[in-house]
Amino acid sequence: MPKSKERCQEIREEMRNTILQKSLLYFARNGFAGTKISDLSKNIGIGQGTIYIYFESKENLFQEILKIADSNEMLREMKLLVSMPISAKKKLHMLSETVLNRLEEDETFAAMIALNTQMLLEKNEAYSSEETTYQTELYNCTSQIIEQGQKEKSMVGGSSIKLADYYWGVVYLYSLKRLFTSEYEMISAADLERTVLKG
């Protein structure tokens, strides 16, 4: 008995989502330049042609992955956190706890952080820009928390955006550990906060 039109559409959506999720992890591990569609299709367990049914090119697939990696939920949480009437030290601790818990529980979150950071490092003009999430919004929100902490004398002095970069650099390192190793000890929130807190 032939499949219904609705069931065929569900199957197409399931395959597209499978390609996106597995590609997100693959691109996070290999970067844009290091990813070939032939290798990606083998990793997913499908033919190259199947990828091209859903995405016209590697560039198109990557752009769709970036939409997933653009963590709007995290950004909303960060903006809310910045505006809360609490100390910067408490804000930083809440951020650290959230980020580390998500890293430990969700490989996709680790892939999103790794992919965004790689985009910054690759400096590929077509795929990395000043509009990438971790370069602007999340870095800027973290920078605002650091600036508040500097005024409150709870955080080290210096460029707040550089300190935000150090903070997210440590998060990136642990994202890679999450993606590439099966056994590792997750950093504590207190250890992560040492990148910016005084004493």
N, C-alpha and C. Protein backbone atom coordinates (compact mmCIF):
# COMPACT_ATOMS: atom_id res chain seq x y z
N MET A 1 0.84 -1.18 0.00
CA MET A 1 0.00 0.00 0.00
C MET A 1 0.89 1.25 0.00
N PRO A 2 0.64 2.18 -0.92
CA PRO A 2 1.49 3.38 -0.98
C PRO A 2 1.33 4.27 0.24
N LYS A 3 2.41 4.99 0.53
CA LYS A 3 2.38 5.90 1.68
C LYS A 3 1.52 7.12 1.35
N SER A 4 0.88 7.65 2.38
CA SER A 4 0.06 8.85 2.18
C SER A 4 0.98 10.05 1.91
N LYS A 5 0.40 11.09 1.33
CA LYS A 5 1.14 12.31 1.04
C LYS A 5 1.73 12.90 2.32
N GLU A 6 0.94 12.84 3.42
CA GLU A 6 1.38 13.37 4.70
C GLU A 6 2.58 12.58 5.23
N ARG A 7 2.50 11.24 5.10
CA ARG A 7 3.59 10.40 5.60
C ARG A 7 4.87 10.64 4.78
N CYS A 8 4.73 10.80 3.48
CA CYS A 8 5.90 11.11 2.63
C CYS A 8 6.55 12.42 3.06
N GLN A 9 5.73 13.41 3.38
CA GLN A 9 6.25 14.70 3.84
C GLN A 9 6.97 14.55 5.18
N GLU A 10 6.40 13.74 6.08
CA GLU A 10 7.05 13.48 7.38
C GLU A 10 8.41 12.83 7.19
N ILE A 11 8.48 11.87 6.27
CA ILE A 11 9.74 11.17 6.00
C ILE A 11 10.78 12.15 5.46
N ARG A 12 10.37 13.03 4.54
CA ARG A 12 11.28 14.04 4.00
C ARG A 12 11.79 14.97 5.11
N GLU A 13 10.90 15.40 5.99
CA GLU A 13 11.30 16.29 7.09
C GLU A 13 12.24 15.58 8.06
N GLU A 14 11.95 14.30 8.34
CA GLU A 14 12.82 13.52 9.23
C GLU A 14 14.22 13.39 8.63
N MET A 15 14.30 13.12 7.32
CA MET A 15 15.61 12.99 6.67
C MET A 15 16.36 14.33 6.68
N ARG A 16 15.66 15.41 6.38
CA ARG A 16 16.29 16.74 6.39
C ARG A 16 16.84 17.05 7.78
N ASN A 17 16.05 16.78 8.82
CA ASN A 17 16.49 17.03 10.19
C ASN A 17 17.67 16.15 10.58
N THR A 18 17.66 14.90 10.13
CA THR A 18 18.78 13.99 10.40
C THR A 18 20.05 14.53 9.77
N ILE A 19 19.95 14.97 8.50
CA ILE A 19 21.12 15.53 7.81
C ILE A 19 21.63 16.75 8.56
N LEU A 20 20.73 17.63 8.97
CA LEU A 20 21.14 18.85 9.68
C LEU A 20 21.82 18.54 11.00
N GLN A 21 21.21 17.67 11.81
CA GLN A 21 21.78 17.37 13.13
C GLN A 21 23.14 16.70 13.02
N LYS A 22 23.25 15.72 12.12
CA LYS A 22 24.53 15.01 11.99
C LYS A 22 25.58 15.90 11.33
N SER A 23 25.14 16.78 10.43
CA SER A 23 26.07 17.71 9.79
C SER A 23 26.58 18.74 10.78
N LEU A 24 25.73 19.18 11.68
CA LEU A 24 26.15 20.13 12.71
C LEU A 24 27.33 19.57 13.49
N LEU A 25 27.22 18.33 13.92
CA LEU A 25 28.30 17.69 14.67
C LEU A 25 29.54 17.53 13.79
N TYR A 26 29.32 17.14 12.53
CA TYR A 26 30.45 16.90 11.63
C TYR A 26 31.20 18.20 11.32
N PHE A 27 30.46 19.26 11.00
CA PHE A 27 31.10 20.56 10.74
C PHE A 27 31.80 21.07 12.00
N ALA A 28 31.20 20.86 13.17
CA ALA A 28 31.82 21.31 14.41
C ALA A 28 33.15 20.61 14.64
N ARG A 29 33.23 19.35 14.25
CA ARG A 29 34.47 18.60 14.45
C ARG A 29 35.51 18.88 13.37
N ASN A 30 35.06 19.21 12.17
CA ASN A 30 35.97 19.33 11.03
C ASN A 30 36.10 20.73 10.44
N GLY A 31 35.21 21.65 10.83
CA GLY A 31 35.22 22.99 10.26
C GLY A 31 34.64 22.99 8.85
N PHE A 32 34.38 24.17 8.34
CA PHE A 32 33.81 24.28 7.00
C PHE A 32 34.81 23.79 5.95
N ALA A 33 36.04 24.30 6.04
CA ALA A 33 37.06 23.96 5.03
C ALA A 33 37.41 22.47 5.06
N GLY A 34 37.34 21.86 6.24
CA GLY A 34 37.70 20.45 6.38
C GLY A 34 36.57 19.47 6.10
N THR A 35 35.44 19.97 5.67
CA THR A 35 34.29 19.10 5.41
C THR A 35 34.08 18.93 3.91
N LYS A 36 34.06 17.67 3.47
CA LYS A 36 33.71 17.33 2.09
C LYS A 36 32.37 16.62 2.13
N ILE A 37 31.53 16.92 1.17
CA ILE A 37 30.20 16.28 1.13
C ILE A 37 30.33 14.77 1.03
N SER A 38 31.34 14.28 0.30
CA SER A 38 31.52 12.83 0.16
C SER A 38 31.79 12.19 1.52
N ASP A 39 32.66 12.83 2.33
CA ASP A 39 32.96 12.31 3.67
C ASP A 39 31.76 12.45 4.60
N LEU A 40 31.09 13.59 4.49
CA LEU A 40 29.91 13.84 5.33
C LEU A 40 28.83 12.79 5.07
N SER A 41 28.58 12.50 3.80
CA SER A 41 27.52 11.53 3.48
C SER A 41 27.87 10.15 4.02
N LYS A 42 29.15 9.77 3.96
CA LYS A 42 29.57 8.48 4.54
C LYS A 42 29.34 8.47 6.04
N ASN A 43 29.67 9.59 6.68
CA ASN A 43 29.50 9.70 8.13
C ASN A 43 28.03 9.56 8.52
N ILE A 44 27.15 10.17 7.73
CA ILE A 44 25.71 10.10 8.01
C ILE A 44 25.16 8.72 7.66
N GLY A 45 25.76 8.09 6.64
CA GLY A 45 25.28 6.78 6.18
C GLY A 45 24.26 6.90 5.06
N ILE A 46 24.41 7.94 4.24
CA ILE A 46 23.52 8.14 3.10
C ILE A 46 24.37 8.49 1.88
N GLY A 47 23.77 8.47 0.70
CA GLY A 47 24.48 8.85 -0.52
C GLY A 47 24.61 10.36 -0.63
N GLN A 48 25.64 10.80 -1.35
CA GLN A 48 25.83 12.24 -1.57
C GLN A 48 24.60 12.86 -2.22
N GLY A 49 24.01 12.11 -3.15
CA GLY A 49 22.83 12.61 -3.87
C GLY A 49 21.68 12.96 -2.94
N THR A 50 21.57 12.20 -1.86
CA THR A 50 20.50 12.46 -0.90
C THR A 50 20.68 13.84 -0.25
N ILE A 51 21.92 14.17 0.07
CA ILE A 51 22.18 15.50 0.65
C ILE A 51 21.77 16.58 -0.35
N TYR A 52 22.10 16.37 -1.62
CA TYR A 52 21.81 17.38 -2.64
C TYR A 52 20.32 17.47 -2.97
N ILE A 53 19.54 16.48 -2.61
CA ILE A 53 18.08 16.59 -2.76
C ILE A 53 17.55 17.66 -1.82
N TYR A 54 18.16 17.76 -0.64
CA TYR A 54 17.67 18.68 0.39
C TYR A 54 18.42 20.01 0.41
N PHE A 55 19.68 20.00 -0.01
CA PHE A 55 20.52 21.19 0.05
C PHE A 55 21.29 21.31 -1.25
N GLU A 56 21.22 22.46 -1.89
CA GLU A 56 21.80 22.60 -3.23
C GLU A 56 23.32 22.59 -3.25
N SER A 57 23.95 22.89 -2.11
CA SER A 57 25.42 22.92 -2.06
C SER A 57 25.88 22.78 -0.61
N LYS A 58 27.18 22.59 -0.45
CA LYS A 58 27.77 22.56 0.89
C LYS A 58 27.52 23.89 1.58
N GLU A 59 27.64 24.98 0.83
CA GLU A 59 27.43 26.32 1.39
C GLU A 59 26.00 26.48 1.90
N ASN A 60 25.03 25.99 1.12
CA ASN A 60 23.62 26.07 1.51
C ASN A 60 23.36 25.25 2.77
N LEU A 61 23.92 24.05 2.82
CA LEU A 61 23.79 23.20 4.01
C LEU A 61 24.40 23.89 5.22
N PHE A 62 25.58 24.49 5.04
CA PHE A 62 26.24 25.16 6.15
C PHE A 62 25.42 26.34 6.66
N GLN A 63 24.84 27.11 5.75
CA GLN A 63 23.99 28.24 6.16
C GLN A 63 22.80 27.77 6.99
N GLU A 64 22.22 26.64 6.61
CA GLU A 64 21.10 26.09 7.39
C GLU A 64 21.57 25.63 8.76
N ILE A 65 22.77 25.07 8.82
CA ILE A 65 23.34 24.64 10.11
C ILE A 65 23.58 25.85 11.00
N LEU A 66 24.05 26.94 10.40
CA LEU A 66 24.30 28.15 11.19
C LEU A 66 23.03 28.66 11.84
N LYS A 67 21.90 28.46 11.20
CA LYS A 67 20.62 28.88 11.79
C LYS A 67 20.34 28.09 13.06
N ILE A 68 20.73 26.82 13.06
CA ILE A 68 20.58 25.99 14.26
C ILE A 68 21.59 26.45 15.32
N ALA A 69 22.83 26.70 14.86
CA ALA A 69 23.90 27.06 15.79
C ALA A 69 23.72 28.44 16.39
N ASP A 70 22.94 29.28 15.73
CA ASP A 70 22.67 30.62 16.25
C ASP A 70 21.70 30.46 17.42
N SER A 71 22.27 30.36 18.61
CA SER A 71 21.49 29.95 19.78
C SER A 71 20.63 31.09 20.32
N ASN A 72 19.47 31.28 19.71
CA ASN A 72 18.56 32.35 20.13
C ASN A 72 18.11 32.19 21.58
N GLU A 73 17.89 30.94 21.98
CA GLU A 73 17.44 30.68 23.35
C GLU A 73 18.50 31.14 24.35
N MET A 74 19.75 30.79 24.06
CA MET A 74 20.85 31.20 24.94
C MET A 74 20.98 32.72 24.97
N LEU A 75 20.82 33.33 23.82
CA LEU A 75 20.91 34.78 23.72
C LEU A 75 19.81 35.47 24.52
N ARG A 76 18.61 34.96 24.44
CA ARG A 76 17.50 35.52 25.24
C ARG A 76 17.81 35.41 26.73
N GLU A 77 18.31 34.25 27.14
CA GLU A 77 18.67 34.05 28.54
C GLU A 77 19.76 35.04 28.98
N MET A 78 20.74 35.26 28.09
CA MET A 78 21.83 36.18 28.41
C MET A 78 21.33 37.61 28.58
N LYS A 79 20.47 38.05 27.66
CA LYS A 79 19.95 39.42 27.74
C LYS A 79 19.14 39.61 29.02
N LEU A 80 18.37 38.59 29.38
CA LEU A 80 17.60 38.65 30.62
C LEU A 80 18.54 38.71 31.82
N LEU A 81 19.58 37.89 31.78
CA LEU A 81 20.55 37.85 32.87
C LEU A 81 21.23 39.21 33.05
N VAL A 82 21.65 39.83 31.96
CA VAL A 82 22.32 41.13 32.02
C VAL A 82 21.42 42.17 32.69
N SER A 83 20.12 42.11 32.41
CA SER A 83 19.21 43.14 32.93
C SER A 83 18.74 42.90 34.37
N MET A 84 19.07 41.74 34.94
CA MET A 84 18.61 41.44 36.30
C MET A 84 19.29 42.34 37.33
N PRO A 85 18.54 42.77 38.36
CA PRO A 85 19.11 43.67 39.39
C PRO A 85 19.85 42.90 40.48
N ILE A 86 20.87 42.15 40.06
CA ILE A 86 21.69 41.39 41.01
C ILE A 86 23.16 41.69 40.72
N SER A 87 24.03 41.24 41.59
CA SER A 87 25.45 41.53 41.41
C SER A 87 26.00 40.81 40.18
N ALA A 88 27.05 41.38 39.62
CA ALA A 88 27.70 40.78 38.45
C ALA A 88 28.27 39.41 38.80
N LYS A 89 28.77 39.27 40.01
CA LYS A 89 29.33 37.98 40.44
C LYS A 89 28.25 36.90 40.40
N LYS A 90 27.06 37.23 40.86
CA LYS A 90 25.95 36.27 40.83
C LYS A 90 25.53 35.98 39.39
N LYS A 91 25.50 37.01 38.54
CA LYS A 91 25.16 36.83 37.13
C LYS A 91 26.15 35.88 36.47
N LEU A 92 27.44 36.11 36.74
CA LEU A 92 28.47 35.27 36.15
C LEU A 92 28.32 33.82 36.60
N HIS A 93 28.01 33.63 37.87
CA HIS A 93 27.84 32.28 38.39
C HIS A 93 26.63 31.60 37.73
N MET A 94 25.55 32.32 37.57
CA MET A 94 24.36 31.75 36.91
C MET A 94 24.69 31.38 35.46
N LEU A 95 25.43 32.23 34.77
CA LEU A 95 25.83 31.95 33.39
C LEU A 95 26.71 30.70 33.34
N SER A 96 27.69 30.64 34.22
CA SER A 96 28.63 29.51 34.23
C SER A 96 27.91 28.20 34.50
N GLU A 97 27.03 28.20 35.49
CA GLU A 97 26.27 26.98 35.81
C GLU A 97 25.43 26.52 34.61
N THR A 98 24.75 27.47 33.97
CA THR A 98 23.90 27.14 32.82
C THR A 98 24.72 26.56 31.68
N VAL A 99 25.80 27.25 31.32
CA VAL A 99 26.63 26.82 30.20
C VAL A 99 27.23 25.44 30.46
N LEU A 100 27.79 25.23 31.64
CA LEU A 100 28.44 23.95 31.93
C LEU A 100 27.44 22.81 32.01
N ASN A 101 26.26 23.07 32.57
CA ASN A 101 25.23 22.02 32.60
C ASN A 101 24.79 21.64 31.19
N ARG A 102 24.62 22.63 30.34
CA ARG A 102 24.21 22.34 28.96
C ARG A 102 25.30 21.60 28.20
N LEU A 103 26.55 21.98 28.44
CA LEU A 103 27.65 21.27 27.79
C LEU A 103 27.65 19.79 28.17
N GLU A 104 27.45 19.54 29.45
CA GLU A 104 27.49 18.17 29.94
C GLU A 104 26.32 17.34 29.42
N GLU A 105 25.17 17.96 29.28
CA GLU A 105 23.95 17.22 28.92
C GLU A 105 23.67 17.16 27.42
N ASP A 106 24.22 18.08 26.64
CA ASP A 106 23.77 18.22 25.26
C ASP A 106 24.94 18.38 24.30
N GLU A 107 25.23 17.32 23.56
CA GLU A 107 26.32 17.34 22.59
C GLU A 107 26.07 18.39 21.50
N THR A 108 24.81 18.63 21.15
CA THR A 108 24.49 19.63 20.14
C THR A 108 24.88 21.02 20.61
N PHE A 109 24.68 21.32 21.89
CA PHE A 109 25.08 22.62 22.43
C PHE A 109 26.60 22.77 22.33
N ALA A 110 27.34 21.71 22.66
CA ALA A 110 28.79 21.74 22.52
C ALA A 110 29.18 21.98 21.07
N ALA A 111 28.48 21.35 20.15
CA ALA A 111 28.77 21.53 18.72
C ALA A 111 28.49 22.96 18.29
N MET A 112 27.42 23.55 18.81
CA MET A 112 27.09 24.93 18.45
C MET A 112 28.19 25.89 18.90
N ILE A 113 28.68 25.70 20.12
CA ILE A 113 29.75 26.56 20.62
C ILE A 113 31.02 26.35 19.78
N ALA A 114 31.35 25.10 19.52
CA ALA A 114 32.55 24.81 18.73
C ALA A 114 32.44 25.40 17.33
N LEU A 115 31.30 25.24 16.71
CA LEU A 115 31.11 25.73 15.34
C LEU A 115 31.20 27.25 15.28
N ASN A 116 30.54 27.93 16.19
CA ASN A 116 30.61 29.39 16.21
C ASN A 116 32.04 29.88 16.44
N THR A 117 32.75 29.23 17.34
CA THR A 117 34.12 29.64 17.61
C THR A 117 35.01 29.38 16.41
N GLN A 118 34.82 28.24 15.75
CA GLN A 118 35.61 27.93 14.56
C GLN A 118 35.37 28.95 13.46
N MET A 119 34.14 29.42 13.34
CA MET A 119 33.84 30.43 12.34
C MET A 119 34.68 31.68 12.60
N LEU A 120 34.85 32.02 13.85
CA LEU A 120 35.66 33.19 14.19
C LEU A 120 37.13 32.95 13.86
N LEU A 121 37.59 31.73 14.14
CA LEU A 121 39.00 31.41 13.95
C LEU A 121 39.37 31.26 12.48
N GLU A 122 38.46 30.71 11.69
CA GLU A 122 38.76 30.47 10.28
C GLU A 122 38.84 31.76 9.48
N LYS A 123 38.14 32.80 9.93
CA LYS A 123 38.13 34.09 9.23
C LYS A 123 37.77 33.92 7.76
N ASN A 124 36.87 33.00 7.49
CA ASN A 124 36.42 32.79 6.12
C ASN A 124 35.33 33.82 5.86
N GLU A 125 35.59 34.78 4.99
CA GLU A 125 34.69 35.91 4.79
C GLU A 125 33.27 35.49 4.43
N ALA A 126 33.14 34.39 3.72
CA ALA A 126 31.80 33.98 3.30
C ALA A 126 30.99 33.40 4.45
N TYR A 127 31.66 32.85 5.47
CA TYR A 127 30.93 32.14 6.52
C TYR A 127 31.20 32.64 7.92
N SER A 128 32.11 33.56 8.08
CA SER A 128 32.37 34.15 9.37
C SER A 128 32.25 35.66 9.23
N SER A 129 31.47 36.25 10.10
CA SER A 129 31.29 37.69 10.01
C SER A 129 31.20 38.26 11.41
N GLU A 130 31.15 39.57 11.47
CA GLU A 130 31.02 40.21 12.77
C GLU A 130 29.63 40.02 13.35
N GLU A 131 28.76 39.37 12.61
CA GLU A 131 27.40 39.13 13.09
C GLU A 131 27.24 37.75 13.70
N THR A 132 28.30 36.95 13.78
CA THR A 132 28.16 35.63 14.37
C THR A 132 27.84 35.77 15.85
N THR A 133 27.01 34.87 16.34
CA THR A 133 26.45 34.99 17.68
C THR A 133 27.50 35.16 18.76
N TYR A 134 28.50 34.26 18.80
CA TYR A 134 29.44 34.29 19.93
C TYR A 134 30.42 35.45 19.81
N GLN A 135 30.56 36.04 18.64
CA GLN A 135 31.46 37.18 18.52
C GLN A 135 30.77 38.46 18.98
N THR A 136 29.50 38.59 18.73
CA THR A 136 28.84 39.84 19.06
C THR A 136 27.94 39.70 20.28
N GLU A 137 26.77 39.18 20.11
CA GLU A 137 25.76 39.23 21.17
C GLU A 137 26.20 38.56 22.47
N LEU A 138 26.62 37.31 22.41
CA LEU A 138 27.00 36.64 23.66
C LEU A 138 28.27 37.24 24.26
N TYR A 139 29.24 37.57 23.40
CA TYR A 139 30.44 38.23 23.91
C TYR A 139 30.08 39.58 24.52
N ASN A 140 29.22 40.33 23.84
CA ASN A 140 28.84 41.65 24.36
C ASN A 140 28.07 41.54 25.67
N CYS A 141 27.18 40.56 25.78
CA CYS A 141 26.44 40.37 27.04
C CYS A 141 27.40 39.99 28.16
N THR A 142 28.33 39.10 27.86
CA THR A 142 29.32 38.71 28.87
C THR A 142 30.18 39.91 29.24
N SER A 143 30.55 40.71 28.25
CA SER A 143 31.33 41.91 28.48
C SER A 143 30.60 42.89 29.40
N GLN A 144 29.30 43.01 29.23
CA GLN A 144 28.50 43.90 30.09
C GLN A 144 28.51 43.42 31.54
N ILE A 145 28.42 42.11 31.72
CA ILE A 145 28.48 41.56 33.08
C ILE A 145 29.85 41.85 33.69
N ILE A 146 30.90 41.68 32.89
CA ILE A 146 32.26 41.94 33.37
C ILE A 146 32.43 43.41 33.73
N GLU A 147 31.94 44.30 32.89
CA GLU A 147 32.04 45.74 33.18
C GLU A 147 31.33 46.08 34.49
N GLN A 148 30.15 45.48 34.70
CA GLN A 148 29.44 45.70 35.97
C GLN A 148 30.30 45.19 37.12
N GLY A 149 30.90 44.01 36.94
CA GLY A 149 31.76 43.45 37.98
C GLY A 149 32.99 44.29 38.25
N GLN A 150 33.52 44.90 37.21
CA GLN A 150 34.67 45.78 37.40
C GLN A 150 34.29 47.01 38.23
N LYS A 151 33.09 47.54 37.99
CA LYS A 151 32.61 48.68 38.79
C LYS A 151 32.37 48.26 40.24
N GLU A 152 31.92 47.03 40.41
CA GLU A 152 31.66 46.51 41.76
C GLU A 152 32.94 45.99 42.42
N LYS A 153 34.04 46.00 41.67
CA LYS A 153 35.35 45.56 42.16
C LYS A 153 35.42 44.06 42.44
N SER A 154 34.56 43.28 41.78
CA SER A 154 34.59 41.83 41.96
C SER A 154 35.30 41.13 40.81
N MET A 155 35.57 41.87 39.72
CA MET A 155 36.19 41.26 38.55
C MET A 155 37.47 42.00 38.18
N VAL A 156 38.39 41.26 37.55
CA VAL A 156 39.70 41.81 37.21
C VAL A 156 39.54 42.95 36.20
N GLY A 157 40.53 43.84 36.21
CA GLY A 157 40.52 44.97 35.28
C GLY A 157 40.99 44.54 33.90
N GLY A 158 40.83 45.46 32.97
CA GLY A 158 41.26 45.19 31.60
C GLY A 158 40.09 45.27 30.64
N SER A 159 40.37 44.99 29.40
CA SER A 159 39.35 45.03 28.36
C SER A 159 38.27 43.98 28.64
N SER A 160 37.04 44.44 28.80
CA SER A 160 35.96 43.50 29.12
C SER A 160 35.69 42.54 27.97
N ILE A 161 35.89 42.98 26.72
CA ILE A 161 35.64 42.09 25.58
C ILE A 161 36.73 41.03 25.49
N LYS A 162 37.99 41.39 25.85
CA LYS A 162 39.06 40.39 25.88
C LYS A 162 38.81 39.38 26.99
N LEU A 163 38.35 39.86 28.13
CA LEU A 163 38.04 38.94 29.23
C LEU A 163 36.88 38.02 28.86
N ALA A 164 35.88 38.56 28.15
CA ALA A 164 34.78 37.72 27.66
C ALA A 164 35.32 36.67 26.70
N ASP A 165 36.28 37.06 25.89
CA ASP A 165 36.90 36.12 24.95
C ASP A 165 37.63 35.00 25.70
N TYR A 166 38.35 35.34 26.79
CA TYR A 166 39.01 34.32 27.60
C TYR A 166 37.97 33.35 28.18
N TYR A 167 36.90 33.93 28.71
CA TYR A 167 35.84 33.12 29.32
C TYR A 167 35.28 32.12 28.31
N TRP A 168 34.87 32.65 27.13
CA TRP A 168 34.29 31.77 26.12
C TRP A 168 35.34 30.85 25.50
N GLY A 169 36.62 31.25 25.55
CA GLY A 169 37.68 30.37 25.08
C GLY A 169 37.77 29.10 25.92
N VAL A 170 37.61 29.25 27.23
CA VAL A 170 37.61 28.08 28.11
C VAL A 170 36.37 27.22 27.83
N VAL A 171 35.23 27.86 27.61
CA VAL A 171 34.01 27.11 27.27
C VAL A 171 34.23 26.34 25.96
N TYR A 172 34.88 26.98 25.00
CA TYR A 172 35.18 26.32 23.72
C TYR A 172 36.06 25.09 23.94
N LEU A 173 37.09 25.22 24.77
CA LEU A 173 37.97 24.09 25.05
C LEU A 173 37.18 22.90 25.59
N TYR A 174 36.28 23.17 26.52
CA TYR A 174 35.50 22.07 27.09
C TYR A 174 34.42 21.56 26.12
N SER A 175 34.01 22.40 25.19
CA SER A 175 33.12 21.93 24.12
C SER A 175 33.85 20.91 23.25
N LEU A 176 35.10 21.21 22.94
CA LEU A 176 35.90 20.27 22.15
C LEU A 176 36.12 18.96 22.90
N LYS A 177 36.40 19.06 24.19
CA LYS A 177 36.56 17.84 24.98
C LYS A 177 35.28 17.02 24.95
N ARG A 178 34.15 17.69 25.06
CA ARG A 178 32.85 17.01 25.01
C ARG A 178 32.64 16.31 23.67
N LEU A 179 33.10 16.94 22.59
CA LEU A 179 32.89 16.39 21.25
C LEU A 179 33.90 15.30 20.88
N PHE A 180 35.15 15.42 21.36
CA PHE A 180 36.22 14.56 20.87
C PHE A 180 36.69 13.49 21.83
N THR A 181 36.32 13.58 23.10
CA THR A 181 36.80 12.57 24.05
C THR A 181 35.63 11.92 24.77
N SER A 182 35.82 10.68 25.12
CA SER A 182 34.74 9.98 25.82
C SER A 182 34.88 10.11 27.33
N GLU A 183 36.11 10.32 27.79
CA GLU A 183 36.33 10.46 29.23
C GLU A 183 37.08 11.75 29.50
N TYR A 184 36.44 12.63 30.22
CA TYR A 184 37.08 13.89 30.61
C TYR A 184 36.38 14.38 31.86
N GLU A 185 37.07 15.20 32.61
CA GLU A 185 36.47 15.78 33.81
C GLU A 185 35.99 17.18 33.47
N MET A 186 34.70 17.42 33.65
CA MET A 186 34.13 18.74 33.35
C MET A 186 34.65 19.76 34.34
N ILE A 187 34.99 20.92 33.84
CA ILE A 187 35.43 22.03 34.67
C ILE A 187 34.28 22.45 35.59
N SER A 188 34.60 23.01 36.74
CA SER A 188 33.56 23.51 37.64
C SER A 188 33.25 24.97 37.30
N ALA A 189 32.10 25.44 37.75
CA ALA A 189 31.73 26.84 37.55
C ALA A 189 32.78 27.75 38.19
N ALA A 190 33.26 27.38 39.37
CA ALA A 190 34.27 28.19 40.07
C ALA A 190 35.55 28.29 39.26
N ASP A 191 35.95 27.18 38.62
CA ASP A 191 37.16 27.21 37.79
C ASP A 191 36.96 28.09 36.57
N LEU A 192 35.81 27.99 35.93
CA LEU A 192 35.51 28.81 34.76
C LEU A 192 35.49 30.29 35.13
N GLU A 193 34.93 30.60 36.28
CA GLU A 193 34.80 32.00 36.71
C GLU A 193 36.16 32.63 37.05
N ARG A 194 37.17 31.80 37.29
CA ARG A 194 38.52 32.33 37.59
C ARG A 194 39.09 33.13 36.43
N THR A 195 38.54 32.94 35.22
CA THR A 195 39.03 33.70 34.07
C THR A 195 38.77 35.18 34.23
N VAL A 196 37.78 35.55 35.04
CA VAL A 196 37.42 36.98 35.16
C VAL A 196 37.27 37.49 36.61
N LEU A 197 37.07 36.60 37.56
CA LEU A 197 36.85 37.05 38.94
C LEU A 197 38.16 37.39 39.64
N LYS A 198 38.14 38.34 40.54
CA LYS A 198 39.28 38.65 41.38
C LYS A 198 39.45 37.58 42.44
N GLY A 199 40.73 37.33 42.78
CA GLY A 199 41.08 36.46 43.89
C GLY A 199 40.29 35.23 43.93
